[in-house]
Amino acid sequence: MNKNKIRTILNLFRHYQVCLHKDYFFYIDNVNVNLAEVEFEPNNEVVYLFWEGSDGEEYRIKFDESGLSNARVKDGNLIIEDTEGDEIEITFNKLTKYAVNFI
């Protein structure tokens, strides 16, 4: 298990906006993130993503430490296997504050 990789990925979730890709056409950017303590145990669930879809349903994705340890990068996005075995493509966006000034 790659402990440094797990720590680095968790820091991405802490400091950046998470956007999920689905079917190449759908981009989910209203994702909420909950993180748990790292135990360096493969099945320890450490990342919990959830959002409300346009249909009003709540959706959830969970990642364990094994998924984070085996994550890979593709076209600048992170690919992580969730606890159900599905590969999830994630983009991390940096949000910056912009001061509006009217003259």
Protein backbone atom coordinates (compact mmCIF):
# COMPACT_ATOMS: atom_id res chain seq x y z
CA MET A 1 0.00 0.00 0.00
CA ASN A 2 1.38 3.37 -1.05
CA LYS A 3 0.95 5.57 2.04
CA ASN A 4 2.31 8.73 0.40
CA LYS A 5 -0.08 8.35 -2.54
CA ILE A 6 -3.04 7.96 -0.17
CA ARG A 7 -2.05 11.10 1.77
CA THR A 8 -1.58 13.09 -1.46
CA ILE A 9 -4.97 12.06 -2.85
CA LEU A 10 -6.73 12.85 0.44
CA ASN A 11 -5.18 16.33 0.35
CA LEU A 12 -6.64 16.83 -3.13
CA PHE A 13 -10.08 16.01 -1.74
CA ARG A 14 -9.49 18.43 1.18
CA HIS A 15 -8.35 21.43 -0.86
CA TYR A 16 -10.02 21.31 -4.27
CA GLN A 17 -13.52 21.13 -5.72
CA VAL A 18 -14.36 17.63 -6.88
CA CYS A 19 -15.98 17.12 -10.29
CA LEU A 20 -17.03 13.70 -11.56
CA HIS A 21 -17.13 12.64 -15.20
CA LYS A 22 -19.84 10.32 -16.43
CA ASP A 23 -20.36 8.96 -19.92
CA TYR A 24 -18.13 11.66 -21.46
CA PHE A 25 -21.09 14.05 -21.63
CA PHE A 26 -22.14 14.59 -18.04
CA TYR A 27 -20.06 16.58 -15.58
CA ILE A 28 -21.13 16.59 -11.91
CA ASP A 29 -19.73 19.56 -10.01
CA ASN A 30 -22.01 19.78 -6.96
CA VAL A 31 -20.20 16.98 -5.12
CA ASN A 32 -19.93 17.00 -1.32
CA VAL A 33 -16.96 15.28 0.32
CA ASN A 34 -16.62 13.57 3.71
CA LEU A 35 -13.27 12.11 4.77
CA ALA A 36 -12.47 9.53 7.46
CA GLU A 37 -9.26 8.81 9.34
CA VAL A 38 -6.55 6.86 7.52
CA GLU A 39 -5.65 3.54 9.11
CA PHE A 40 -3.54 2.11 6.27
CA GLU A 41 -5.91 -0.82 5.99
CA PRO A 42 -7.01 -1.75 2.44
CA ASN A 43 -10.77 -1.94 3.16
CA ASN A 44 -10.94 1.20 5.32
CA GLU A 45 -13.41 3.56 3.65
CA VAL A 46 -11.81 7.00 3.72
CA VAL A 47 -13.64 9.06 1.07
CA TYR A 48 -17.41 9.47 0.79
CA LEU A 49 -18.80 11.55 -2.08
CA PHE A 50 -22.46 12.47 -2.35
CA TRP A 51 -24.63 14.79 -4.42
CA GLU A 52 -28.22 15.38 -5.42
CA GLY A 53 -29.04 14.63 -9.04
CA SER A 54 -31.33 16.67 -11.26
CA ASP A 55 -33.94 13.98 -10.57
CA GLY A 56 -33.89 14.85 -6.85
CA GLU A 57 -32.24 11.54 -5.90
CA GLU A 58 -29.15 11.45 -3.66
CA TYR A 59 -26.16 9.62 -5.11
CA ARG A 60 -23.14 8.26 -3.24
CA ILE A 61 -19.69 6.92 -4.04
CA LYS A 62 -17.25 5.47 -1.50
CA PHE A 63 -13.52 4.87 -1.84
CA ASP A 64 -11.35 2.77 0.42
CA GLU A 65 -7.61 3.02 0.98
CA SER A 66 -6.92 0.26 -1.54
CA GLY A 67 -8.71 2.24 -4.26
CA LEU A 68 -6.69 5.36 -3.46
CA SER A 69 -3.44 3.40 -3.35
CA ASN A 70 -4.14 1.95 -6.81
CA ALA A 71 -5.40 5.20 -8.38
CA ARG A 72 -3.91 6.33 -11.66
CA VAL A 73 -3.85 9.48 -13.78
CA LYS A 74 -5.41 9.64 -17.25
CA ASP A 75 -5.51 12.83 -19.33
CA GLY A 76 -4.91 14.94 -16.20
CA ASN A 77 -7.78 13.32 -14.28
CA LEU A 78 -7.60 10.87 -11.42
CA ILE A 79 -9.11 7.41 -11.96
CA ILE A 80 -10.06 5.62 -8.72
CA GLU A 81 -11.86 2.32 -8.25
CA ASP A 82 -14.74 2.72 -5.81
CA THR A 83 -15.80 0.15 -3.21
CA GLU A 84 -18.17 -1.45 -5.74
CA GLY A 85 -15.38 -1.98 -8.28
CA ASP A 86 -16.38 0.81 -10.68
CA GLU A 87 -13.71 3.14 -12.06
CA ILE A 88 -14.57 6.76 -11.31
CA GLU A 89 -12.92 9.66 -13.17
CA ILE A 90 -12.34 12.78 -11.07
CA THR A 91 -11.16 16.29 -11.88
CA PHE A 92 -9.98 18.56 -9.07
CA ASN A 93 -10.65 22.26 -9.63
CA LYS A 94 -9.09 25.08 -7.69
CA LEU A 95 -11.59 27.71 -6.64
CA THR A 96 -10.36 31.24 -6.22
CA LYS A 97 -12.02 34.26 -4.72
CA TYR A 98 -12.63 37.07 -7.13
CA ALA A 99 -13.26 40.56 -5.79
CA VAL A 100 -15.91 42.45 -7.71
CA ASN A 101 -15.25 46.16 -7.99
CA PHE A 102 -17.69 48.56 -9.63
CA ILE A 103 -16.42 51.97 -10.69
